[in-house]
Amino acid sequence: AHRNRRFTVYCTESRPSCSGRKMA
């Protein structure tokens, strides 16, 4: 992103820890 690349991310929620929420 800092190199001005335009992209999108799908991030899994990652249950049961829900660490994907923090990543998102």
PDBML (XML) file of the C-alpha atoms, coordinates in Angstrom:
<?xml version="1.0" encoding="UTF-8" ?>
<PDBx:datablock datablockName="MODEL"
   xmlns:PDBx="http://pdbml.pdb.org/schema/pdbx-v50.xsd"
   xmlns:xsi="http://www.w3.org/2001/XMLSchema-instance"
   xsi:schemaLocation="http://pdbml.pdb.org/schema/pdbx-v50.xsd pdbx-v50.xsd">
   <PDBx:atom_siteCategory>
      <PDBx:atom_site id="1">
         <PDBx:B_iso_or_equiv>0.00</PDBx:B_iso_or_equiv>
         <PDBx:Cartn_x>0.000</PDBx:Cartn_x>
         <PDBx:Cartn_y>0.000</PDBx:Cartn_y>
         <PDBx:Cartn_z>0.000</PDBx:Cartn_z>
         <PDBx:auth_asym_id>A</PDBx:auth_asym_id>
         <PDBx:auth_atom_id>CA</PDBx:auth_atom_id>
         <PDBx:auth_comp_id>ALA</PDBx:auth_comp_id>
         <PDBx:auth_seq_id>1</PDBx:auth_seq_id>
         <PDBx:group_PDB>ATOM</PDBx:group_PDB>
         <PDBx:label_alt_id xsi:nil="true" />
         <PDBx:label_asym_id>A</PDBx:label_asym_id>
         <PDBx:label_atom_id>CA</PDBx:label_atom_id>
         <PDBx:label_comp_id>ALA</PDBx:label_comp_id>
         <PDBx:label_entity_id>1</PDBx:label_entity_id>
         <PDBx:label_seq_id>1</PDBx:label_seq_id>
         <PDBx:occupancy>1.00</PDBx:occupancy>
         <PDBx:pdbx_PDB_model_num>1</PDBx:pdbx_PDB_model_num>
         <PDBx:type_symbol>C</PDBx:type_symbol>
      </PDBx:atom_site>
      <PDBx:atom_site id="2">
         <PDBx:B_iso_or_equiv>0.00</PDBx:B_iso_or_equiv>
         <PDBx:Cartn_x>2.885</PDBx:Cartn_x>
         <PDBx:Cartn_y>2.367</PDBx:Cartn_y>
         <PDBx:Cartn_z>0.742</PDBx:Cartn_z>
         <PDBx:auth_asym_id>A</PDBx:auth_asym_id>
         <PDBx:auth_atom_id>CA</PDBx:auth_atom_id>
         <PDBx:auth_comp_id>HIS</PDBx:auth_comp_id>
         <PDBx:auth_seq_id>2</PDBx:auth_seq_id>
         <PDBx:group_PDB>ATOM</PDBx:group_PDB>
         <PDBx:label_alt_id xsi:nil="true" />
         <PDBx:label_asym_id>A</PDBx:label_asym_id>
         <PDBx:label_atom_id>CA</PDBx:label_atom_id>
         <PDBx:label_comp_id>HIS</PDBx:label_comp_id>
         <PDBx:label_entity_id>1</PDBx:label_entity_id>
         <PDBx:label_seq_id>2</PDBx:label_seq_id>
         <PDBx:occupancy>1.00</PDBx:occupancy>
         <PDBx:pdbx_PDB_model_num>1</PDBx:pdbx_PDB_model_num>
         <PDBx:type_symbol>C</PDBx:type_symbol>
      </PDBx:atom_site>
      <PDBx:atom_site id="3">
         <PDBx:B_iso_or_equiv>0.00</PDBx:B_iso_or_equiv>
         <PDBx:Cartn_x>4.158</PDBx:Cartn_x>
         <PDBx:Cartn_y>1.667</PDBx:Cartn_y>
         <PDBx:Cartn_z>-2.782</PDBx:Cartn_z>
         <PDBx:auth_asym_id>A</PDBx:auth_asym_id>
         <PDBx:auth_atom_id>CA</PDBx:auth_atom_id>
         <PDBx:auth_comp_id>ARG</PDBx:auth_comp_id>
         <PDBx:auth_seq_id>3</PDBx:auth_seq_id>
         <PDBx:group_PDB>ATOM</PDBx:group_PDB>
         <PDBx:label_alt_id xsi:nil="true" />
         <PDBx:label_asym_id>A</PDBx:label_asym_id>
         <PDBx:label_atom_id>CA</PDBx:label_atom_id>
         <PDBx:label_comp_id>ARG</PDBx:label_comp_id>
         <PDBx:label_entity_id>1</PDBx:label_entity_id>
         <PDBx:label_seq_id>3</PDBx:label_seq_id>
         <PDBx:occupancy>1.00</PDBx:occupancy>
         <PDBx:pdbx_PDB_model_num>1</PDBx:pdbx_PDB_model_num>
         <PDBx:type_symbol>C</PDBx:type_symbol>
      </PDBx:atom_site>
      <PDBx:atom_site id="4">
         <PDBx:B_iso_or_equiv>0.00</PDBx:B_iso_or_equiv>
         <PDBx:Cartn_x>0.791</PDBx:Cartn_x>
         <PDBx:Cartn_y>2.909</PDBx:Cartn_y>
         <PDBx:Cartn_z>-4.085</PDBx:Cartn_z>
         <PDBx:auth_asym_id>A</PDBx:auth_asym_id>
         <PDBx:auth_atom_id>CA</PDBx:auth_atom_id>
         <PDBx:auth_comp_id>ASN</PDBx:auth_comp_id>
         <PDBx:auth_seq_id>4</PDBx:auth_seq_id>
         <PDBx:group_PDB>ATOM</PDBx:group_PDB>
         <PDBx:label_alt_id xsi:nil="true" />
         <PDBx:label_asym_id>A</PDBx:label_asym_id>
         <PDBx:label_atom_id>CA</PDBx:label_atom_id>
         <PDBx:label_comp_id>ASN</PDBx:label_comp_id>
         <PDBx:label_entity_id>1</PDBx:label_entity_id>
         <PDBx:label_seq_id>4</PDBx:label_seq_id>
         <PDBx:occupancy>1.00</PDBx:occupancy>
         <PDBx:pdbx_PDB_model_num>1</PDBx:pdbx_PDB_model_num>
         <PDBx:type_symbol>C</PDBx:type_symbol>
      </PDBx:atom_site>
      <PDBx:atom_site id="5">
         <PDBx:B_iso_or_equiv>0.00</PDBx:B_iso_or_equiv>
         <PDBx:Cartn_x>-0.466</PDBx:Cartn_x>
         <PDBx:Cartn_y>-0.521</PDBx:Cartn_y>
         <PDBx:Cartn_z>-5.073</PDBx:Cartn_z>
         <PDBx:auth_asym_id>A</PDBx:auth_asym_id>
         <PDBx:auth_atom_id>CA</PDBx:auth_atom_id>
         <PDBx:auth_comp_id>ARG</PDBx:auth_comp_id>
         <PDBx:auth_seq_id>5</PDBx:auth_seq_id>
         <PDBx:group_PDB>ATOM</PDBx:group_PDB>
         <PDBx:label_alt_id xsi:nil="true" />
         <PDBx:label_asym_id>A</PDBx:label_asym_id>
         <PDBx:label_atom_id>CA</PDBx:label_atom_id>
         <PDBx:label_comp_id>ARG</PDBx:label_comp_id>
         <PDBx:label_entity_id>1</PDBx:label_entity_id>
         <PDBx:label_seq_id>5</PDBx:label_seq_id>
         <PDBx:occupancy>1.00</PDBx:occupancy>
         <PDBx:pdbx_PDB_model_num>1</PDBx:pdbx_PDB_model_num>
         <PDBx:type_symbol>C</PDBx:type_symbol>
      </PDBx:atom_site>
      <PDBx:atom_site id="6">
         <PDBx:B_iso_or_equiv>0.00</PDBx:B_iso_or_equiv>
         <PDBx:Cartn_x>-4.246</PDBx:Cartn_x>
         <PDBx:Cartn_y>-0.522</PDBx:Cartn_y>
         <PDBx:Cartn_z>-5.233</PDBx:Cartn_z>
         <PDBx:auth_asym_id>A</PDBx:auth_asym_id>
         <PDBx:auth_atom_id>CA</PDBx:auth_atom_id>
         <PDBx:auth_comp_id>ARG</PDBx:auth_comp_id>
         <PDBx:auth_seq_id>6</PDBx:auth_seq_id>
         <PDBx:group_PDB>ATOM</PDBx:group_PDB>
         <PDBx:label_alt_id xsi:nil="true" />
         <PDBx:label_asym_id>A</PDBx:label_asym_id>
         <PDBx:label_atom_id>CA</PDBx:label_atom_id>
         <PDBx:label_comp_id>ARG</PDBx:label_comp_id>
         <PDBx:label_entity_id>1</PDBx:label_entity_id>
         <PDBx:label_seq_id>6</PDBx:label_seq_id>
         <PDBx:occupancy>1.00</PDBx:occupancy>
         <PDBx:pdbx_PDB_model_num>1</PDBx:pdbx_PDB_model_num>
         <PDBx:type_symbol>C</PDBx:type_symbol>
      </PDBx:atom_site>
      <PDBx:atom_site id="7">
         <PDBx:B_iso_or_equiv>0.00</PDBx:B_iso_or_equiv>
         <PDBx:Cartn_x>-5.610</PDBx:Cartn_x>
         <PDBx:Cartn_y>-3.856</PDBx:Cartn_y>
         <PDBx:Cartn_z>-4.064</PDBx:Cartn_z>
         <PDBx:auth_asym_id>A</PDBx:auth_asym_id>
         <PDBx:auth_atom_id>CA</PDBx:auth_atom_id>
         <PDBx:auth_comp_id>PHE</PDBx:auth_comp_id>
         <PDBx:auth_seq_id>7</PDBx:auth_seq_id>
         <PDBx:group_PDB>ATOM</PDBx:group_PDB>
         <PDBx:label_alt_id xsi:nil="true" />
         <PDBx:label_asym_id>A</PDBx:label_asym_id>
         <PDBx:label_atom_id>CA</PDBx:label_atom_id>
         <PDBx:label_comp_id>PHE</PDBx:label_comp_id>
         <PDBx:label_entity_id>1</PDBx:label_entity_id>
         <PDBx:label_seq_id>7</PDBx:label_seq_id>
         <PDBx:occupancy>1.00</PDBx:occupancy>
         <PDBx:pdbx_PDB_model_num>1</PDBx:pdbx_PDB_model_num>
         <PDBx:type_symbol>C</PDBx:type_symbol>
      </PDBx:atom_site>
      <PDBx:atom_site id="8">
         <PDBx:B_iso_or_equiv>0.00</PDBx:B_iso_or_equiv>
         <PDBx:Cartn_x>-8.328</PDBx:Cartn_x>
         <PDBx:Cartn_y>-5.300</PDBx:Cartn_y>
         <PDBx:Cartn_z>-1.889</PDBx:Cartn_z>
         <PDBx:auth_asym_id>A</PDBx:auth_asym_id>
         <PDBx:auth_atom_id>CA</PDBx:auth_atom_id>
         <PDBx:auth_comp_id>THR</PDBx:auth_comp_id>
         <PDBx:auth_seq_id>8</PDBx:auth_seq_id>
         <PDBx:group_PDB>ATOM</PDBx:group_PDB>
         <PDBx:label_alt_id xsi:nil="true" />
         <PDBx:label_asym_id>A</PDBx:label_asym_id>
         <PDBx:label_atom_id>CA</PDBx:label_atom_id>
         <PDBx:label_comp_id>THR</PDBx:label_comp_id>
         <PDBx:label_entity_id>1</PDBx:label_entity_id>
         <PDBx:label_seq_id>8</PDBx:label_seq_id>
         <PDBx:occupancy>1.00</PDBx:occupancy>
         <PDBx:pdbx_PDB_model_num>1</PDBx:pdbx_PDB_model_num>
         <PDBx:type_symbol>C</PDBx:type_symbol>
      </PDBx:atom_site>
      <PDBx:atom_site id="9">
         <PDBx:B_iso_or_equiv>0.00</PDBx:B_iso_or_equiv>
         <PDBx:Cartn_x>-8.234</PDBx:Cartn_x>
         <PDBx:Cartn_y>-7.890</PDBx:Cartn_y>
         <PDBx:Cartn_z>0.846</PDBx:Cartn_z>
         <PDBx:auth_asym_id>A</PDBx:auth_asym_id>
         <PDBx:auth_atom_id>CA</PDBx:auth_atom_id>
         <PDBx:auth_comp_id>VAL</PDBx:auth_comp_id>
         <PDBx:auth_seq_id>9</PDBx:auth_seq_id>
         <PDBx:group_PDB>ATOM</PDBx:group_PDB>
         <PDBx:label_alt_id xsi:nil="true" />
         <PDBx:label_asym_id>A</PDBx:label_asym_id>
         <PDBx:label_atom_id>CA</PDBx:label_atom_id>
         <PDBx:label_comp_id>VAL</PDBx:label_comp_id>
         <PDBx:label_entity_id>1</PDBx:label_entity_id>
         <PDBx:label_seq_id>9</PDBx:label_seq_id>
         <PDBx:occupancy>1.00</PDBx:occupancy>
         <PDBx:pdbx_PDB_model_num>1</PDBx:pdbx_PDB_model_num>
         <PDBx:type_symbol>C</PDBx:type_symbol>
      </PDBx:atom_site>
      <PDBx:atom_site id="10">
         <PDBx:B_iso_or_equiv>0.00</PDBx:B_iso_or_equiv>
         <PDBx:Cartn_x>-10.728</PDBx:Cartn_x>
         <PDBx:Cartn_y>-10.446</PDBx:Cartn_y>
         <PDBx:Cartn_z>2.063</PDBx:Cartn_z>
         <PDBx:auth_asym_id>A</PDBx:auth_asym_id>
         <PDBx:auth_atom_id>CA</PDBx:auth_atom_id>
         <PDBx:auth_comp_id>TYR</PDBx:auth_comp_id>
         <PDBx:auth_seq_id>10</PDBx:auth_seq_id>
         <PDBx:group_PDB>ATOM</PDBx:group_PDB>
         <PDBx:label_alt_id xsi:nil="true" />
         <PDBx:label_asym_id>A</PDBx:label_asym_id>
         <PDBx:label_atom_id>CA</PDBx:label_atom_id>
         <PDBx:label_comp_id>TYR</PDBx:label_comp_id>
         <PDBx:label_entity_id>1</PDBx:label_entity_id>
         <PDBx:label_seq_id>10</PDBx:label_seq_id>
         <PDBx:occupancy>1.00</PDBx:occupancy>
         <PDBx:pdbx_PDB_model_num>1</PDBx:pdbx_PDB_model_num>
         <PDBx:type_symbol>C</PDBx:type_symbol>
      </PDBx:atom_site>
      <PDBx:atom_site id="11">
         <PDBx:B_iso_or_equiv>0.00</PDBx:B_iso_or_equiv>
         <PDBx:Cartn_x>-9.820</PDBx:Cartn_x>
         <PDBx:Cartn_y>-11.436</PDBx:Cartn_y>
         <PDBx:Cartn_z>5.590</PDBx:Cartn_z>
         <PDBx:auth_asym_id>A</PDBx:auth_asym_id>
         <PDBx:auth_atom_id>CA</PDBx:auth_atom_id>
         <PDBx:auth_comp_id>CYS</PDBx:auth_comp_id>
         <PDBx:auth_seq_id>11</PDBx:auth_seq_id>
         <PDBx:group_PDB>ATOM</PDBx:group_PDB>
         <PDBx:label_alt_id xsi:nil="true" />
         <PDBx:label_asym_id>A</PDBx:label_asym_id>
         <PDBx:label_atom_id>CA</PDBx:label_atom_id>
         <PDBx:label_comp_id>CYS</PDBx:label_comp_id>
         <PDBx:label_entity_id>1</PDBx:label_entity_id>
         <PDBx:label_seq_id>11</PDBx:label_seq_id>
         <PDBx:occupancy>1.00</PDBx:occupancy>
         <PDBx:pdbx_PDB_model_num>1</PDBx:pdbx_PDB_model_num>
         <PDBx:type_symbol>C</PDBx:type_symbol>
      </PDBx:atom_site>
      <PDBx:atom_site id="12">
         <PDBx:B_iso_or_equiv>0.00</PDBx:B_iso_or_equiv>
         <PDBx:Cartn_x>-11.149</PDBx:Cartn_x>
         <PDBx:Cartn_y>-14.499</PDBx:Cartn_y>
         <PDBx:Cartn_z>7.393</PDBx:Cartn_z>
         <PDBx:auth_asym_id>A</PDBx:auth_asym_id>
         <PDBx:auth_atom_id>CA</PDBx:auth_atom_id>
         <PDBx:auth_comp_id>THR</PDBx:auth_comp_id>
         <PDBx:auth_seq_id>12</PDBx:auth_seq_id>
         <PDBx:group_PDB>ATOM</PDBx:group_PDB>
         <PDBx:label_alt_id xsi:nil="true" />
         <PDBx:label_asym_id>A</PDBx:label_asym_id>
         <PDBx:label_atom_id>CA</PDBx:label_atom_id>
         <PDBx:label_comp_id>THR</PDBx:label_comp_id>
         <PDBx:label_entity_id>1</PDBx:label_entity_id>
         <PDBx:label_seq_id>12</PDBx:label_seq_id>
         <PDBx:occupancy>1.00</PDBx:occupancy>
         <PDBx:pdbx_PDB_model_num>1</PDBx:pdbx_PDB_model_num>
         <PDBx:type_symbol>C</PDBx:type_symbol>
      </PDBx:atom_site>
      <PDBx:atom_site id="13">
         <PDBx:B_iso_or_equiv>0.00</PDBx:B_iso_or_equiv>
         <PDBx:Cartn_x>-12.602</PDBx:Cartn_x>
         <PDBx:Cartn_y>-13.864</PDBx:Cartn_y>
         <PDBx:Cartn_z>10.812</PDBx:Cartn_z>
         <PDBx:auth_asym_id>A</PDBx:auth_asym_id>
         <PDBx:auth_atom_id>CA</PDBx:auth_atom_id>
         <PDBx:auth_comp_id>GLU</PDBx:auth_comp_id>
         <PDBx:auth_seq_id>13</PDBx:auth_seq_id>
         <PDBx:group_PDB>ATOM</PDBx:group_PDB>
         <PDBx:label_alt_id xsi:nil="true" />
         <PDBx:label_asym_id>A</PDBx:label_asym_id>
         <PDBx:label_atom_id>CA</PDBx:label_atom_id>
         <PDBx:label_comp_id>GLU</PDBx:label_comp_id>
         <PDBx:label_entity_id>1</PDBx:label_entity_id>
         <PDBx:label_seq_id>13</PDBx:label_seq_id>
         <PDBx:occupancy>1.00</PDBx:occupancy>
         <PDBx:pdbx_PDB_model_num>1</PDBx:pdbx_PDB_model_num>
         <PDBx:type_symbol>C</PDBx:type_symbol>
      </PDBx:atom_site>
      <PDBx:atom_site id="14">
         <PDBx:B_iso_or_equiv>0.00</PDBx:B_iso_or_equiv>
         <PDBx:Cartn_x>-10.553</PDBx:Cartn_x>
         <PDBx:Cartn_y>-16.759</PDBx:Cartn_y>
         <PDBx:Cartn_z>12.215</PDBx:Cartn_z>
         <PDBx:auth_asym_id>A</PDBx:auth_asym_id>
         <PDBx:auth_atom_id>CA</PDBx:auth_atom_id>
         <PDBx:auth_comp_id>SER</PDBx:auth_comp_id>
         <PDBx:auth_seq_id>14</PDBx:auth_seq_id>
         <PDBx:group_PDB>ATOM</PDBx:group_PDB>
         <PDBx:label_alt_id xsi:nil="true" />
         <PDBx:label_asym_id>A</PDBx:label_asym_id>
         <PDBx:label_atom_id>CA</PDBx:label_atom_id>
         <PDBx:label_comp_id>SER</PDBx:label_comp_id>
         <PDBx:label_entity_id>1</PDBx:label_entity_id>
         <PDBx:label_seq_id>14</PDBx:label_seq_id>
         <PDBx:occupancy>1.00</PDBx:occupancy>
         <PDBx:pdbx_PDB_model_num>1</PDBx:pdbx_PDB_model_num>
         <PDBx:type_symbol>C</PDBx:type_symbol>
      </PDBx:atom_site>
      <PDBx:atom_site id="15">
         <PDBx:B_iso_or_equiv>0.00</PDBx:B_iso_or_equiv>
         <PDBx:Cartn_x>-12.741</PDBx:Cartn_x>
         <PDBx:Cartn_y>-18.149</PDBx:Cartn_y>
         <PDBx:Cartn_z>14.921</PDBx:Cartn_z>
         <PDBx:auth_asym_id>A</PDBx:auth_asym_id>
         <PDBx:auth_atom_id>CA</PDBx:auth_atom_id>
         <PDBx:auth_comp_id>ARG</PDBx:auth_comp_id>
         <PDBx:auth_seq_id>15</PDBx:auth_seq_id>
         <PDBx:group_PDB>ATOM</PDBx:group_PDB>
         <PDBx:label_alt_id xsi:nil="true" />
         <PDBx:label_asym_id>A</PDBx:label_asym_id>
         <PDBx:label_atom_id>CA</PDBx:label_atom_id>
         <PDBx:label_comp_id>ARG</PDBx:label_comp_id>
         <PDBx:label_entity_id>1</PDBx:label_entity_id>
         <PDBx:label_seq_id>15</PDBx:label_seq_id>
         <PDBx:occupancy>1.00</PDBx:occupancy>
         <PDBx:pdbx_PDB_model_num>1</PDBx:pdbx_PDB_model_num>
         <PDBx:type_symbol>C</PDBx:type_symbol>
      </PDBx:atom_site>
      <PDBx:atom_site id="16">
         <PDBx:B_iso_or_equiv>0.00</PDBx:B_iso_or_equiv>
         <PDBx:Cartn_x>-12.582</PDBx:Cartn_x>
         <PDBx:Cartn_y>-18.992</PDBx:Cartn_y>
         <PDBx:Cartn_z>17.763</PDBx:Cartn_z>
         <PDBx:auth_asym_id>A</PDBx:auth_asym_id>
         <PDBx:auth_atom_id>CA</PDBx:auth_atom_id>
         <PDBx:auth_comp_id>PRO</PDBx:auth_comp_id>
         <PDBx:auth_seq_id>16</PDBx:auth_seq_id>
         <PDBx:group_PDB>ATOM</PDBx:group_PDB>
         <PDBx:label_alt_id xsi:nil="true" />
         <PDBx:label_asym_id>A</PDBx:label_asym_id>
         <PDBx:label_atom_id>CA</PDBx:label_atom_id>
         <PDBx:label_comp_id>PRO</PDBx:label_comp_id>
         <PDBx:label_entity_id>1</PDBx:label_entity_id>
         <PDBx:label_seq_id>16</PDBx:label_seq_id>
         <PDBx:occupancy>1.00</PDBx:occupancy>
         <PDBx:pdbx_PDB_model_num>1</PDBx:pdbx_PDB_model_num>
         <PDBx:type_symbol>C</PDBx:type_symbol>
      </PDBx:atom_site>
      <PDBx:atom_site id="17">
         <PDBx:B_iso_or_equiv>0.00</PDBx:B_iso_or_equiv>
         <PDBx:Cartn_x>-9.860</PDBx:Cartn_x>
         <PDBx:Cartn_y>-16.410</PDBx:Cartn_y>
         <PDBx:Cartn_z>18.485</PDBx:Cartn_z>
         <PDBx:auth_asym_id>A</PDBx:auth_asym_id>
         <PDBx:auth_atom_id>CA</PDBx:auth_atom_id>
         <PDBx:auth_comp_id>SER</PDBx:auth_comp_id>
         <PDBx:auth_seq_id>17</PDBx:auth_seq_id>
         <PDBx:group_PDB>ATOM</PDBx:group_PDB>
         <PDBx:label_alt_id xsi:nil="true" />
         <PDBx:label_asym_id>A</PDBx:label_asym_id>
         <PDBx:label_atom_id>CA</PDBx:label_atom_id>
         <PDBx:label_comp_id>SER</PDBx:label_comp_id>
         <PDBx:label_entity_id>1</PDBx:label_entity_id>
         <PDBx:label_seq_id>17</PDBx:label_seq_id>
         <PDBx:occupancy>1.00</PDBx:occupancy>
         <PDBx:pdbx_PDB_model_num>1</PDBx:pdbx_PDB_model_num>
         <PDBx:type_symbol>C</PDBx:type_symbol>
      </PDBx:atom_site>
      <PDBx:atom_site id="18">
         <PDBx:B_iso_or_equiv>0.00</PDBx:B_iso_or_equiv>
         <PDBx:Cartn_x>-11.329</PDBx:Cartn_x>
         <PDBx:Cartn_y>-13.853</PDBx:Cartn_y>
         <PDBx:Cartn_z>16.033</PDBx:Cartn_z>
         <PDBx:auth_asym_id>A</PDBx:auth_asym_id>
         <PDBx:auth_atom_id>CA</PDBx:auth_atom_id>
         <PDBx:auth_comp_id>CYS</PDBx:auth_comp_id>
         <PDBx:auth_seq_id>18</PDBx:auth_seq_id>
         <PDBx:group_PDB>ATOM</PDBx:group_PDB>
         <PDBx:label_alt_id xsi:nil="true" />
         <PDBx:label_asym_id>A</PDBx:label_asym_id>
         <PDBx:label_atom_id>CA</PDBx:label_atom_id>
         <PDBx:label_comp_id>CYS</PDBx:label_comp_id>
         <PDBx:label_entity_id>1</PDBx:label_entity_id>
         <PDBx:label_seq_id>18</PDBx:label_seq_id>
         <PDBx:occupancy>1.00</PDBx:occupancy>
         <PDBx:pdbx_PDB_model_num>1</PDBx:pdbx_PDB_model_num>
         <PDBx:type_symbol>C</PDBx:type_symbol>
      </PDBx:atom_site>
      <PDBx:atom_site id="19">
         <PDBx:B_iso_or_equiv>0.00</PDBx:B_iso_or_equiv>
         <PDBx:Cartn_x>-7.796</PDBx:Cartn_x>
         <PDBx:Cartn_y>-12.677</PDBx:Cartn_y>
         <PDBx:Cartn_z>15.270</PDBx:Cartn_z>
         <PDBx:auth_asym_id>A</PDBx:auth_asym_id>
         <PDBx:auth_atom_id>CA</PDBx:auth_atom_id>
         <PDBx:auth_comp_id>SER</PDBx:auth_comp_id>
         <PDBx:auth_seq_id>19</PDBx:auth_seq_id>
         <PDBx:group_PDB>ATOM</PDBx:group_PDB>
         <PDBx:label_alt_id xsi:nil="true" />
         <PDBx:label_asym_id>A</PDBx:label_asym_id>
         <PDBx:label_atom_id>CA</PDBx:label_atom_id>
         <PDBx:label_comp_id>SER</PDBx:label_comp_id>
         <PDBx:label_entity_id>1</PDBx:label_entity_id>
         <PDBx:label_seq_id>19</PDBx:label_seq_id>
         <PDBx:occupancy>1.00</PDBx:occupancy>
         <PDBx:pdbx_PDB_model_num>1</PDBx:pdbx_PDB_model_num>
         <PDBx:type_symbol>C</PDBx:type_symbol>
      </PDBx:atom_site>
      <PDBx:atom_site id="20">
         <PDBx:B_iso_or_equiv>0.00</PDBx:B_iso_or_equiv>
         <PDBx:Cartn_x>-8.923</PDBx:Cartn_x>
         <PDBx:Cartn_y>-11.921</PDBx:Cartn_y>
         <PDBx:Cartn_z>11.722</PDBx:Cartn_z>
         <PDBx:auth_asym_id>A</PDBx:auth_asym_id>
         <PDBx:auth_atom_id>CA</PDBx:auth_atom_id>
         <PDBx:auth_comp_id>GLY</PDBx:auth_comp_id>
         <PDBx:auth_seq_id>20</PDBx:auth_seq_id>
         <PDBx:group_PDB>ATOM</PDBx:group_PDB>
         <PDBx:label_alt_id xsi:nil="true" />
         <PDBx:label_asym_id>A</PDBx:label_asym_id>
         <PDBx:label_atom_id>CA</PDBx:label_atom_id>
         <PDBx:label_comp_id>GLY</PDBx:label_comp_id>
         <PDBx:label_entity_id>1</PDBx:label_entity_id>
         <PDBx:label_seq_id>20</PDBx:label_seq_id>
         <PDBx:occupancy>1.00</PDBx:occupancy>
         <PDBx:pdbx_PDB_model_num>1</PDBx:pdbx_PDB_model_num>
         <PDBx:type_symbol>C</PDBx:type_symbol>
      </PDBx:atom_site>
      <PDBx:atom_site id="21">
         <PDBx:B_iso_or_equiv>0.00</PDBx:B_iso_or_equiv>
         <PDBx:Cartn_x>-11.072</PDBx:Cartn_x>
         <PDBx:Cartn_y>-9.115</PDBx:Cartn_y>
         <PDBx:Cartn_z>13.089</PDBx:Cartn_z>
         <PDBx:auth_asym_id>A</PDBx:auth_asym_id>
         <PDBx:auth_atom_id>CA</PDBx:auth_atom_id>
         <PDBx:auth_comp_id>ARG</PDBx:auth_comp_id>
         <PDBx:auth_seq_id>21</PDBx:auth_seq_id>
         <PDBx:group_PDB>ATOM</PDBx:group_PDB>
         <PDBx:label_alt_id xsi:nil="true" />
         <PDBx:label_asym_id>A</PDBx:label_asym_id>
         <PDBx:label_atom_id>CA</PDBx:label_atom_id>
         <PDBx:label_comp_id>ARG</PDBx:label_comp_id>
         <PDBx:label_entity_id>1</PDBx:label_entity_id>
         <PDBx:label_seq_id>21</PDBx:label_seq_id>
         <PDBx:occupancy>1.00</PDBx:occupancy>
         <PDBx:pdbx_PDB_model_num>1</PDBx:pdbx_PDB_model_num>
         <PDBx:type_symbol>C</PDBx:type_symbol>
      </PDBx:atom_site>
      <PDBx:atom_site id="22">
         <PDBx:B_iso_or_equiv>0.00</PDBx:B_iso_or_equiv>
         <PDBx:Cartn_x>-7.953</PDBx:Cartn_x>
         <PDBx:Cartn_y>-7.423</PDBx:Cartn_y>
         <PDBx:Cartn_z>14.432</PDBx:Cartn_z>
         <PDBx:auth_asym_id>A</PDBx:auth_asym_id>
         <PDBx:auth_atom_id>CA</PDBx:auth_atom_id>
         <PDBx:auth_comp_id>LYS</PDBx:auth_comp_id>
         <PDBx:auth_seq_id>22</PDBx:auth_seq_id>
         <PDBx:group_PDB>ATOM</PDBx:group_PDB>
         <PDBx:label_alt_id xsi:nil="true" />
         <PDBx:label_asym_id>A</PDBx:label_asym_id>
         <PDBx:label_atom_id>CA</PDBx:label_atom_id>
         <PDBx:label_comp_id>LYS</PDBx:label_comp_id>
         <PDBx:label_entity_id>1</PDBx:label_entity_id>
         <PDBx:label_seq_id>22</PDBx:label_seq_id>
         <PDBx:occupancy>1.00</PDBx:occupancy>
         <PDBx:pdbx_PDB_model_num>1</PDBx:pdbx_PDB_model_num>
         <PDBx:type_symbol>C</PDBx:type_symbol>
      </PDBx:atom_site>
      <PDBx:atom_site id="23">
         <PDBx:B_iso_or_equiv>0.00</PDBx:B_iso_or_equiv>
         <PDBx:Cartn_x>-6.196</PDBx:Cartn_x>
         <PDBx:Cartn_y>-7.992</PDBx:Cartn_y>
         <PDBx:Cartn_z>11.106</PDBx:Cartn_z>
         <PDBx:auth_asym_id>A</PDBx:auth_asym_id>
         <PDBx:auth_atom_id>CA</PDBx:auth_atom_id>
         <PDBx:auth_comp_id>MET</PDBx:auth_comp_id>
         <PDBx:auth_seq_id>23</PDBx:auth_seq_id>
         <PDBx:group_PDB>ATOM</PDBx:group_PDB>
         <PDBx:label_alt_id xsi:nil="true" />
         <PDBx:label_asym_id>A</PDBx:label_asym_id>
         <PDBx:label_atom_id>CA</PDBx:label_atom_id>
         <PDBx:label_comp_id>MET</PDBx:label_comp_id>
         <PDBx:label_entity_id>1</PDBx:label_entity_id>
         <PDBx:label_seq_id>23</PDBx:label_seq_id>
         <PDBx:occupancy>1.00</PDBx:occupancy>
         <PDBx:pdbx_PDB_model_num>1</PDBx:pdbx_PDB_model_num>
         <PDBx:type_symbol>C</PDBx:type_symbol>
      </PDBx:atom_site>
      <PDBx:atom_site id="24">
         <PDBx:B_iso_or_equiv>0.00</PDBx:B_iso_or_equiv>
         <PDBx:Cartn_x>-9.108</PDBx:Cartn_x>
         <PDBx:Cartn_y>-6.386</PDBx:Cartn_y>
         <PDBx:Cartn_z>9.248</PDBx:Cartn_z>
         <PDBx:auth_asym_id>A</PDBx:auth_asym_id>
         <PDBx:auth_atom_id>CA</PDBx:auth_atom_id>
         <PDBx:auth_comp_id>ALA</PDBx:auth_comp_id>
         <PDBx:auth_seq_id>24</PDBx:auth_seq_id>
         <PDBx:group_PDB>ATOM</PDBx:group_PDB>
         <PDBx:label_alt_id xsi:nil="true" />
         <PDBx:label_asym_id>A</PDBx:label_asym_id>
         <PDBx:label_atom_id>CA</PDBx:label_atom_id>
         <PDBx:label_comp_id>ALA</PDBx:label_comp_id>
         <PDBx:label_entity_id>1</PDBx:label_entity_id>
         <PDBx:label_seq_id>24</PDBx:label_seq_id>
         <PDBx:occupancy>1.00</PDBx:occupancy>
         <PDBx:pdbx_PDB_model_num>1</PDBx:pdbx_PDB_model_num>
         <PDBx:type_symbol>C</PDBx:type_symbol>
      </PDBx:atom_site>
   </PDBx:atom_siteCategory>
</PDBx:datablock>
